[in-house]
Amino acid sequence: MIRRLVLDVLKPHNPSVVELSEALSELHGIEGVNIVIYEIDQEVENAKVIVAGNSIDFESIKNKLKEMGATIHSVDEVAAGKRIVEEVMTPQDDSARM
């Protein structure tokens, strides 16, 4: 079962992030939605969409986004299982940033 998804989404200016987050939060198995706009163009917005819940259905999220005119660029993080495992820094992470 999926508990958290982090998506890179391209959306039109309308619907607003408020409308989009409310629509996603009404889907079965979703307990919370965060949307952060990180780039705005004349016609579209790039957004980081974070969805959390106990039993997230990826297909229903994908369909709702499509219905609202948005498209998924990438799935940047998935957390599944009985609990969410948080990312930790390792020495390999430090060397990759140099």
PDB file of N, CA and C in Angstrom:
ATOM      1  N   MET A   1       0.829  -1.190   0.000  1.00  0.00           N
ATOM      2  CA  MET A   1       0.000   0.000   0.000  1.00  0.00           C
ATOM      3  C   MET A   1       0.871   1.251   0.000  1.00  0.00           C
ATOM      4  N   ILE A   2       0.511   2.202  -0.827  1.00  0.00           N
ATOM      5  CA  ILE A   2       1.267   3.447  -0.931  1.00  0.00           C
ATOM      6  C   ILE A   2       0.806   4.399   0.171  1.00  0.00           C
ATOM      7  N   ARG A   3       1.780   4.999   0.878  1.00  0.00           N
ATOM      8  CA  ARG A   3       1.478   5.930   1.962  1.00  0.00           C
ATOM      9  C   ARG A   3       1.843   7.370   1.624  1.00  0.00           C
ATOM     10  N   ARG A   4       2.829   7.564   0.729  1.00  0.00           N
ATOM     11  CA  ARG A   4       3.197   8.927   0.335  1.00  0.00           C
ATOM     12  C   ARG A   4       3.708   8.916  -1.101  1.00  0.00           C
ATOM     13  N   LEU A   5       3.304   9.948  -1.853  1.00  0.00           N
ATOM     14  CA  LEU A   5       3.788  10.164  -3.214  1.00  0.00           C
ATOM     15  C   LEU A   5       4.268  11.596  -3.330  1.00  0.00           C
ATOM     16  N   VAL A   6       5.391  11.790  -3.998  1.00  0.00           N
ATOM     17  CA  VAL A   6       5.859  13.131  -4.337  1.00  0.00           C
ATOM     18  C   VAL A   6       5.934  13.174  -5.858  1.00  0.00           C
ATOM     19  N   LEU A   7       5.143  14.071  -6.444  1.00  0.00           N
ATOM     20  CA  LEU A   7       5.017  14.152  -7.892  1.00  0.00           C
ATOM     21  C   LEU A   7       5.450  15.514  -8.405  1.00  0.00           C
ATOM     22  N   ASP A   8       6.086  15.525  -9.557  1.00  0.00           N
ATOM     23  CA  ASP A   8       6.383  16.761 -10.278  1.00  0.00           C
ATOM     24  C   ASP A   8       5.282  16.895 -11.323  1.00  0.00           C
ATOM     25  N   VAL A   9       4.480  17.946 -11.207  1.00  0.00           N
ATOM     26  CA  VAL A   9       3.266  18.089 -12.012  1.00  0.00           C
ATOM     27  C   VAL A   9       3.281  19.402 -12.778  1.00  0.00           C
ATOM     28  N   LEU A  10       2.832  19.349 -14.020  1.00  0.00           N
ATOM     29  CA  LEU A  10       2.623  20.539 -14.837  1.00  0.00           C
ATOM     30  C   LEU A  10       1.126  20.776 -14.886  1.00  0.00           C
ATOM     31  N   LYS A  11       0.681  21.973 -14.455  1.00  0.00           N
ATOM     32  CA  LYS A  11      -0.751  22.269 -14.408  1.00  0.00           C
ATOM     33  C   LYS A  11      -1.044  23.623 -15.035  1.00  0.00           C
ATOM     34  N   PRO A  12      -2.253  23.782 -15.576  1.00  0.00           N
ATOM     35  CA  PRO A  12      -2.646  25.108 -16.058  1.00  0.00           C
ATOM     36  C   PRO A  12      -2.886  26.036 -14.865  1.00  0.00           C
ATOM     37  N   HIS A  13      -2.985  27.340 -15.116  1.00  0.00           N
ATOM     38  CA  HIS A  13      -3.250  28.287 -14.022  1.00  0.00           C
ATOM     39  C   HIS A  13      -4.593  28.003 -13.347  1.00  0.00           C
ATOM     40  N   ASN A  14      -5.549  27.548 -14.123  1.00  0.00           N
ATOM     41  CA  ASN A  14      -6.850  27.161 -13.577  1.00  0.00           C
ATOM     42  C   ASN A  14      -7.072  25.692 -13.854  1.00  0.00           C
ATOM     43  N   PRO A  15      -7.434  24.908 -12.866  1.00  0.00           N
ATOM     44  CA  PRO A  15      -7.829  25.271 -11.516  1.00  0.00           C
ATOM     45  C   PRO A  15      -6.636  25.723 -10.666  1.00  0.00           C
ATOM     46  N   SER A  16      -6.975  26.422  -9.595  1.00  0.00           N
ATOM     47  CA  SER A  16      -5.951  26.916  -8.669  1.00  0.00           C
ATOM     48  C   SER A  16      -5.380  25.757  -7.851  1.00  0.00           C
ATOM     49  N   VAL A  17      -4.282  26.018  -7.156  1.00  0.00           N
ATOM     50  CA  VAL A  17      -3.708  24.986  -6.284  1.00  0.00           C
ATOM     51  C   VAL A  17      -4.669  24.636  -5.154  1.00  0.00           C
ATOM     52  N   VAL A  18      -5.477  25.594  -4.734  1.00  0.00           N
ATOM     53  CA  VAL A  18      -6.474  25.316  -3.688  1.00  0.00           C
ATOM     54  C   VAL A  18      -7.494  24.311  -4.210  1.00  0.00           C
ATOM     55  N   GLU A  19      -8.031  24.574  -5.408  1.00  0.00           N
ATOM     56  CA  GLU A  19      -9.018  23.659  -5.993  1.00  0.00           C
ATOM     57  C   GLU A  19      -8.416  22.285  -6.265  1.00  0.00           C
ATOM     58  N   LEU A  20      -7.200  22.263  -6.768  1.00  0.00           N
ATOM     59  CA  LEU A  20      -6.543  20.995  -7.068  1.00  0.00           C
ATOM     60  C   LEU A  20      -6.275  20.194  -5.796  1.00  0.00           C
ATOM     61  N   SER A  21      -5.783  20.855  -4.758  1.00  0.00           N
ATOM     62  CA  SER A  21      -5.496  20.141  -3.506  1.00  0.00           C
ATOM     63  C   SER A  21      -6.772  19.621  -2.858  1.00  0.00           C
ATOM     64  N   GLU A  22      -7.850  20.404  -2.906  1.00  0.00           N
ATOM     65  CA  GLU A  22      -9.125  19.941  -2.347  1.00  0.00           C
ATOM     66  C   GLU A  22      -9.655  18.734  -3.115  1.00  0.00           C
ATOM     67  N   ALA A  23      -9.558  18.772  -4.441  1.00  0.00           N
ATOM     68  CA  ALA A  23     -10.038  17.653  -5.258  1.00  0.00           C
ATOM     69  C   ALA A  23      -9.244  16.382  -4.963  1.00  0.00           C
ATOM     70  N   LEU A  24      -7.932  16.499  -4.855  1.00  0.00           N
ATOM     71  CA  LEU A  24      -7.110  15.328  -4.542  1.00  0.00           C
ATOM     72  C   LEU A  24      -7.391  14.808  -3.137  1.00  0.00           C
ATOM     73  N   SER A  25      -7.609  15.715  -2.189  1.00  0.00           N
ATOM     74  CA  SER A  25      -7.824  15.296  -0.796  1.00  0.00           C
ATOM     75  C   SER A  25      -9.136  14.545  -0.607  1.00  0.00           C
ATOM     76  N   GLU A  26     -10.059  14.683  -1.552  1.00  0.00           N
ATOM     77  CA  GLU A  26     -11.342  13.980  -1.467  1.00  0.00           C
ATOM     78  C   GLU A  26     -11.266  12.544  -1.975  1.00  0.00           C
ATOM     79  N   LEU A  27     -10.160  12.171  -2.602  1.00  0.00           N
ATOM     80  CA  LEU A  27     -10.025  10.805  -3.103  1.00  0.00           C
ATOM     81  C   LEU A  27      -9.866   9.822  -1.945  1.00  0.00           C
ATOM     82  N   HIS A  28     -10.365   8.610  -2.152  1.00  0.00           N
ATOM     83  CA  HIS A  28     -10.301   7.562  -1.132  1.00  0.00           C
ATOM     84  C   HIS A  28      -8.850   7.256  -0.746  1.00  0.00           C
ATOM     85  N   GLY A  29      -8.594   7.151   0.551  1.00  0.00           N
ATOM     86  CA  GLY A  29      -7.280   6.764   1.059  1.00  0.00           C
ATOM     87  C   GLY A  29      -6.309   7.910   1.264  1.00  0.00           C
ATOM     88  N   ILE A  30      -6.716   9.138   0.895  1.00  0.00           N
ATOM     89  CA  ILE A  30      -5.821  10.285   1.031  1.00  0.00           C
ATOM     90  C   ILE A  30      -6.177  11.066   2.284  1.00  0.00           C
ATOM     91  N   GLU A  31      -5.160  11.319   3.115  1.00  0.00           N
ATOM     92  CA  GLU A  31      -5.359  12.062   4.357  1.00  0.00           C
ATOM     93  C   GLU A  31      -4.832  13.483   4.287  1.00  0.00           C
ATOM     94  N   GLY A  32      -3.927  13.761   3.351  1.00  0.00           N
ATOM     95  CA  GLY A  32      -3.381  15.110   3.249  1.00  0.00           C
ATOM     96  C   GLY A  32      -2.726  15.347   1.906  1.00  0.00           C
ATOM     97  N   VAL A  33      -2.765  16.623   1.471  1.00  0.00           N
ATOM     98  CA  VAL A  33      -2.164  17.025   0.196  1.00  0.00           C
ATOM     99  C   VAL A  33      -1.443  18.349   0.397  1.00  0.00           C
ATOM    100  N   ASN A  34      -0.201  18.429  -0.057  1.00  0.00           N
ATOM    101  CA  ASN A  34       0.550  19.693  -0.106  1.00  0.00           C
ATOM    102  C   ASN A  34       0.900  19.952  -1.559  1.00  0.00           C
ATOM    103  N   ILE A  35       0.725  21.198  -1.997  1.00  0.00           N
ATOM    104  CA  ILE A  35       1.135  21.581  -3.345  1.00  0.00           C
ATOM    105  C   ILE A  35       1.977  22.840  -3.240  1.00  0.00           C
ATOM    106  N   VAL A  36       3.165  22.791  -3.840  1.00  0.00           N
ATOM    107  CA  VAL A  36       4.073  23.931  -3.853  1.00  0.00           C
ATOM    108  C   VAL A  36       4.366  24.272  -5.311  1.00  0.00           C
ATOM    109  N   ILE A  37       4.095  25.514  -5.695  1.00  0.00           N
ATOM    110  CA  ILE A  37       4.417  25.978  -7.046  1.00  0.00           C
ATOM    111  C   ILE A  37       5.870  26.436  -7.039  1.00  0.00           C
ATOM    112  N   TYR A  38       6.679  25.904  -7.954  1.00  0.00           N
ATOM    113  CA  TYR A  38       8.084  26.312  -7.988  1.00  0.00           C
ATOM    114  C   TYR A  38       8.464  27.028  -9.280  1.00  0.00           C
ATOM    115  N   GLU A  39       7.547  27.081 -10.252  1.00  0.00           N
ATOM    116  CA  GLU A  39       7.818  27.834 -11.477  1.00  0.00           C
ATOM    117  C   GLU A  39       6.497  28.202 -12.134  1.00  0.00           C
ATOM    118  N   ILE A  40       6.413  29.449 -12.618  1.00  0.00           N
ATOM    119  CA  ILE A  40       5.199  29.922 -13.284  1.00  0.00           C
ATOM    120  C   ILE A  40       5.575  30.438 -14.663  1.00  0.00           C
ATOM    121  N   ASP A  41       4.836  29.970 -15.664  1.00  0.00           N
ATOM    122  CA  ASP A  41       5.006  30.412 -17.041  1.00  0.00           C
ATOM    123  C   ASP A  41       3.734  31.176 -17.433  1.00  0.00           C
ATOM    124  N   GLN A  42       3.656  31.642 -18.666  1.00  0.00           N
ATOM    125  CA  GLN A  42       2.467  32.375 -19.101  1.00  0.00           C
ATOM    126  C   GLN A  42       1.217  31.514 -19.067  1.00  0.00           C
ATOM    127  N   GLU A  43       1.360  30.220 -19.385  1.00  0.00           N
ATOM    128  CA  GLU A  43       0.189  29.358 -19.495  1.00  0.00           C
ATOM    129  C   GLU A  43       0.121  28.244 -18.460  1.00  0.00           C
ATOM    130  N   VAL A  44       1.242  27.903 -17.847  1.00  0.00           N
ATOM    131  CA  VAL A  44       1.269  26.752 -16.942  1.00  0.00           C
ATOM    132  C   VAL A  44       2.078  27.037 -15.680  1.00  0.00           C
ATOM    133  N   GLU A  45       1.927  26.135 -14.719  1.00  0.00           N
ATOM    134  CA  GLU A  45       2.678  26.191 -13.463  1.00  0.00           C
ATOM    135  C   GLU A  45       3.309  24.823 -13.220  1.00  0.00           C
ATOM    136  N   ASN A  46       4.534  24.817 -12.730  1.00  0.00           N
ATOM    137  CA  ASN A  46       5.176  23.575 -12.304  1.00  0.00           C
ATOM    138  C   ASN A  46       4.975  23.458 -10.803  1.00  0.00           C
ATOM    139  N   ALA A  47       4.522  22.288 -10.379  1.00  0.00           N
ATOM    140  CA  ALA A  47       4.188  22.105  -8.972  1.00  0.00           C
ATOM    141  C   ALA A  47       4.773  20.812  -8.427  1.00  0.00           C
ATOM    142  N   LYS A  48       5.158  20.873  -7.157  1.00  0.00           N
ATOM    143  CA  LYS A  48       5.513  19.671  -6.409  1.00  0.00           C
ATOM    144  C   LYS A  48       4.253  19.304  -5.634  1.00  0.00           C
ATOM    145  N   VAL A  49       3.725  18.106  -5.890  1.00  0.00           N
ATOM    146  CA  VAL A  49       2.501  17.633  -5.241  1.00  0.00           C
ATOM    147  C   VAL A  49       2.880  16.491  -4.308  1.00  0.00           C
ATOM    148  N   ILE A  50       2.585  16.672  -3.020  1.00  0.00           N
ATOM    149  CA  ILE A  50       2.870  15.648  -2.017  1.00  0.00           C
ATOM    150  C   ILE A  50       1.535  15.145  -1.489  1.00  0.00           C
ATOM    151  N   VAL A  51       1.332  13.835  -1.603  1.00  0.00           N
ATOM    152  CA  VAL A  51       0.082  13.211  -1.179  1.00  0.00           C
ATOM    153  C   VAL A  51       0.416  12.178  -0.112  1.00  0.00           C
ATOM    154  N   ALA A  52      -0.324  12.211   1.003  1.00  0.00           N
ATOM    155  CA  ALA A  52      -0.100  11.254   2.086  1.00  0.00           C
ATOM    156  C   ALA A  52      -1.414  10.600   2.479  1.00  0.00           C
ATOM    157  N   GLY A  53      -1.332   9.340   2.883  1.00  0.00           N
ATOM    158  CA  GLY A  53      -2.522   8.617   3.315  1.00  0.00           C
ATOM    159  C   GLY A  53      -2.168   7.190   3.673  1.00  0.00           C
ATOM    160  N   ASN A  54      -3.183   6.396   3.989  1.00  0.00           N
ATOM    161  CA  ASN A  54      -2.956   5.012   4.389  1.00  0.00           C
ATOM    162  C   ASN A  54      -3.033   4.028   3.233  1.00  0.00           C
ATOM    163  N   SER A  55      -3.733   4.416   2.174  1.00  0.00           N
ATOM    164  CA  SER A  55      -3.904   3.506   1.043  1.00  0.00           C
ATOM    165  C   SER A  55      -4.144   4.330  -0.213  1.00  0.00           C
ATOM    166  N   ILE A  56      -3.075   4.909  -0.749  1.00  0.00           N
ATOM    167  CA  ILE A  56      -3.180   5.808  -1.895  1.00  0.00           C
ATOM    168  C   ILE A  56      -3.233   4.990  -3.180  1.00  0.00           C
ATOM    169  N   ASP A  57      -4.208   5.304  -4.017  1.00  0.00           N
ATOM    170  CA  ASP A  57      -4.348   4.659  -5.320  1.00  0.00           C
ATOM    171  C   ASP A  57      -3.750   5.589  -6.374  1.00  0.00           C
ATOM    172  N   PHE A  58      -2.572   5.227  -6.890  1.00  0.00           N
ATOM    173  CA  PHE A  58      -1.871   6.069  -7.852  1.00  0.00           C
ATOM    174  C   PHE A  58      -2.722   6.349  -9.087  1.00  0.00           C
ATOM    175  N   GLU A  59      -3.439   5.355  -9.571  1.00  0.00           N
ATOM    176  CA  GLU A  59      -4.259   5.537 -10.778  1.00  0.00           C
ATOM    177  C   GLU A  59      -5.355   6.574 -10.561  1.00  0.00           C
ATOM    178  N   SER A  60      -5.966   6.588  -9.377  1.00  0.00           N
ATOM    179  CA  SER A  60      -7.018   7.579  -9.118  1.00  0.00           C
ATOM    180  C   SER A  60      -6.433   8.985  -9.054  1.00  0.00           C
ATOM    181  N   ILE A  61      -5.223   9.125  -8.529  1.00  0.00           N
ATOM    182  CA  ILE A  61      -4.554  10.434  -8.506  1.00  0.00           C
ATOM    183  C   ILE A  61      -4.232  10.870  -9.928  1.00  0.00           C
ATOM    184  N   LYS A  62      -3.666   9.959 -10.708  1.00  0.00           N
ATOM    185  CA  LYS A  62      -3.322  10.256 -12.099  1.00  0.00           C
ATOM    186  C   LYS A  62      -4.571  10.676 -12.883  1.00  0.00           C
ATOM    187  N   ASN A  63      -5.672   9.959 -12.689  1.00  0.00           N
ATOM    188  CA  ASN A  63      -6.914  10.282 -13.392  1.00  0.00           C
ATOM    189  C   ASN A  63      -7.477  11.632 -12.963  1.00  0.00           C
ATOM    190  N   LYS A  64      -7.434  11.935 -11.670  1.00  0.00           N
ATOM    191  CA  LYS A  64      -7.948  13.217 -11.171  1.00  0.00           C
ATOM    192  C   LYS A  64      -7.109  14.369 -11.715  1.00  0.00           C
ATOM    193  N   LEU A  65      -5.795  14.219 -11.722  1.00  0.00           N
ATOM    194  CA  LEU A  65      -4.927  15.264 -12.272  1.00  0.00           C
ATOM    195  C   LEU A  65      -5.235  15.494 -13.751  1.00  0.00           C
ATOM    196  N   LYS A  66      -5.386  14.407 -14.499  1.00  0.00           N
ATOM    197  CA  LYS A  66      -5.704  14.517 -15.930  1.00  0.00           C
ATOM    198  C   LYS A  66      -7.045  15.209 -16.131  1.00  0.00           C
ATOM    199  N   GLU A  67      -8.028  14.831 -15.323  1.00  0.00           N
ATOM    200  CA  GLU A  67      -9.364  15.439 -15.386  1.00  0.00           C
ATOM    201  C   GLU A  67      -9.299  16.953 -15.158  1.00  0.00           C
ATOM    202  N   MET A  68      -8.343  17.396 -14.349  1.00  0.00           N
ATOM    203  CA  MET A  68      -8.209  18.815 -14.028  1.00  0.00           C
ATOM    204  C   MET A  68      -7.177  19.522 -14.917  1.00  0.00           C
ATOM    205  N   GLY A  69      -6.724  18.837 -15.975  1.00  0.00           N
ATOM    206  CA  GLY A  69      -5.839  19.457 -16.951  1.00  0.00           C
ATOM    207  C   GLY A  69      -4.363  19.402 -16.627  1.00  0.00           C
ATOM    208  N   ALA A  70      -3.993  18.632 -15.610  1.00  0.00           N
ATOM    209  CA  ALA A  70      -2.591  18.544 -15.186  1.00  0.00           C
ATOM    210  C   ALA A  70      -1.973  17.240 -15.684  1.00  0.00           C
ATOM    211  N   THR A  71      -0.648  17.236 -15.802  1.00  0.00           N
ATOM    212  CA  THR A  71       0.070  16.026 -16.197  1.00  0.00           C
ATOM    213  C   THR A  71       1.244  15.786 -15.249  1.00  0.00           C
ATOM    214  N   ILE A  72       1.534  14.529 -15.022  1.00  0.00           N
ATOM    215  CA  ILE A  72       2.652  14.152 -14.161  1.00  0.00           C
ATOM    216  C   ILE A  72       3.922  14.113 -15.000  1.00  0.00           C
ATOM    217  N   HIS A  73       4.904  14.921 -14.626  1.00  0.00           N
ATOM    218  CA  HIS A  73       6.220  14.887 -15.277  1.00  0.00           C
ATOM    219  C   HIS A  73       7.023  13.716 -14.757  1.00  0.00           C
ATOM    220  N   SER A  74       7.009  13.537 -13.430  1.00  0.00           N
ATOM    221  CA  SER A  74       7.778  12.444 -12.841  1.00  0.00           C
ATOM    222  C   SER A  74       7.232  12.098 -11.465  1.00  0.00           C
ATOM    223  N   VAL A  75       7.495  10.864 -11.066  1.00  0.00           N
ATOM    224  CA  VAL A  75       7.223  10.408  -9.707  1.00  0.00           C
ATOM    225  C   VAL A  75       8.563  10.496  -8.995  1.00  0.00           C
ATOM    226  N   ASP A  76       8.693  11.458  -8.074  1.00  0.00           N
ATOM    227  CA  ASP A  76       9.983  11.736  -7.442  1.00  0.00           C
ATOM    228  C   ASP A  76      10.221  10.960  -6.152  1.00  0.00           C
ATOM    229  N   GLU A  77       9.153  10.494  -5.530  1.00  0.00           N
ATOM    230  CA  GLU A  77       9.307   9.694  -4.306  1.00  0.00           C
ATOM    231  C   GLU A  77       8.053   8.870  -4.099  1.00  0.00           C
ATOM    232  N   VAL A  78       8.245   7.640  -3.619  1.00  0.00           N
ATOM    233  CA  VAL A  78       7.135   6.769  -3.245  1.00  0.00           C
ATOM    234  C   VAL A  78       7.491   6.139  -1.911  1.00  0.00           C
ATOM    235  N   ALA A  79       6.553   6.180  -0.968  1.00  0.00           N
ATOM    236  CA  ALA A  79       6.722   5.481   0.306  1.00  0.00           C
ATOM    237  C   ALA A  79       5.576   4.484   0.423  1.00  0.00           C
ATOM    238  N   ALA A  80       5.917   3.227   0.667  1.00  0.00           N
ATOM    239  CA  ALA A  80       4.902   2.183   0.756  1.00  0.00           C
ATOM    240  C   ALA A  80       5.223   1.258   1.920  1.00  0.00           C
ATOM    241  N   GLY A  81       4.211   0.539   2.377  1.00  0.00           N
ATOM    242  CA  GLY A  81       4.407  -0.424   3.453  1.00  0.00           C
ATOM    243  C   GLY A  81       3.639  -0.052   4.698  1.00  0.00           C
ATOM    244  N   LYS A  82       3.973  -0.716   5.800  1.00  0.00           N
ATOM    245  CA  LYS A  82       3.266  -0.483   7.058  1.00  0.00           C
ATOM    246  C   LYS A  82       3.575   0.874   7.663  1.00  0.00           C
ATOM    247  N   ARG A  83       4.776   1.404   7.362  1.00  0.00           N
ATOM    248  CA  ARG A  83       5.122   2.734   7.856  1.00  0.00           C
ATOM    249  C   ARG A  83       6.023   3.418   6.839  1.00  0.00           C
ATOM    250  N   ILE A  84       6.141   4.738   6.958  1.00  0.00           N
ATOM    251  CA  ILE A  84       6.985   5.511   6.062  1.00  0.00           C
ATOM    252  C   ILE A  84       8.418   5.486   6.585  1.00  0.00           C
ATOM    253  N   VAL A  85       9.357   5.149   5.727  1.00  0.00           N
ATOM    254  CA  VAL A  85      10.775   5.163   6.069  1.00  0.00           C
ATOM    255  C   VAL A  85      11.330   6.490   5.569  1.00  0.00           C
ATOM    256  N   GLU A  86      11.819   7.302   6.488  1.00  0.00           N
ATOM    257  CA  GLU A  86      12.349   8.617   6.123  1.00  0.00           C
ATOM    258  C   GLU A  86      13.745   8.477   5.532  1.00  0.00           C
ATOM    259  N   GLU A  87      14.063   9.353   4.604  1.00  0.00           N
ATOM    260  CA  GLU A  87      15.384   9.369   3.976  1.00  0.00           C
ATOM    261  C   GLU A  87      16.420   9.845   4.991  1.00  0.00           C
ATOM    262  N   VAL A  88      17.604   9.243   4.962  1.00  0.00           N
ATOM    263  CA  VAL A  88      18.704   9.666   5.829  1.00  0.00           C
ATOM    264  C   VAL A  88      19.915   9.992   4.964  1.00  0.00           C
ATOM    265  N   MET A  89      20.727  10.918   5.437  1.00  0.00           N
ATOM    266  CA  MET A  89      21.954  11.288   4.730  1.00  0.00           C
ATOM    267  C   MET A  89      23.026  10.236   4.995  1.00  0.00           C
ATOM    268  N   THR A  90      23.795   9.922   3.972  1.00  0.00           N
ATOM    269  CA  THR A  90      24.906   8.981   4.086  1.00  0.00           C
ATOM    270  C   THR A  90      26.157   9.633   3.500  1.00  0.00           C
ATOM    271  N   PRO A  91      27.330   9.074   3.760  1.00  0.00           N
ATOM    272  CA  PRO A  91      28.549   9.644   3.164  1.00  0.00           C
ATOM    273  C   PRO A  91      28.478   9.715   1.635  1.00  0.00           C
ATOM    274  N   GLN A  92      27.778   8.780   1.015  1.00  0.00           N
ATOM    275  CA  GLN A  92      27.643   8.795  -0.438  1.00  0.00           C
ATOM    276  C   GLN A  92      26.879  10.035  -0.905  1.00  0.00           C
ATOM    277  N   ASP A  93      25.929  10.507  -0.116  1.00  0.00           N
ATOM    278  CA  ASP A  93      25.171  11.709  -0.470  1.00  0.00           C
ATOM    279  C   ASP A  93      26.076  12.930  -0.488  1.00  0.00           C
ATOM    280  N   ASP A  94      26.989  13.031   0.472  1.00  0.00           N
ATOM    281  CA  ASP A  94      27.911  14.168   0.532  1.00  0.00           C
ATOM    282  C   ASP A  94      28.843  14.191  -0.668  1.00  0.00           C
ATOM    283  N   SER A  95      29.374  13.032  -1.052  1.00  0.00           N
ATOM    284  CA  SER A  95      30.314  13.000  -2.177  1.00  0.00           C
ATOM    285  C   SER A  95      29.618  13.268  -3.501  1.00  0.00           C
ATOM    286  N   ALA A  96      28.341  12.946  -3.602  1.00  0.00           N
ATOM    287  CA  ALA A  96      27.603  13.181  -4.843  1.00  0.00           C
ATOM    288  C   ALA A  96      27.356  14.665  -5.077  1.00  0.00           C
ATOM    289  N   ARG A  97      27.415  15.469  -4.035  1.00  0.00           N
ATOM    290  CA  ARG A  97      27.124  16.895  -4.154  1.00  0.00           C
ATOM    291  C   ARG A  97      28.360  17.724  -4.493  1.00  0.00           C
ATOM    292  N   MET A  98      29.525  17.139  -4.490  1.00  0.00           N
ATOM    293  CA  MET A  98      30.765  17.890  -4.750  1.00  0.00           C
ATOM    294  C   MET A  98      30.951  18.161  -6.216  1.00  0.00           C
TER     295      MET A  98
END
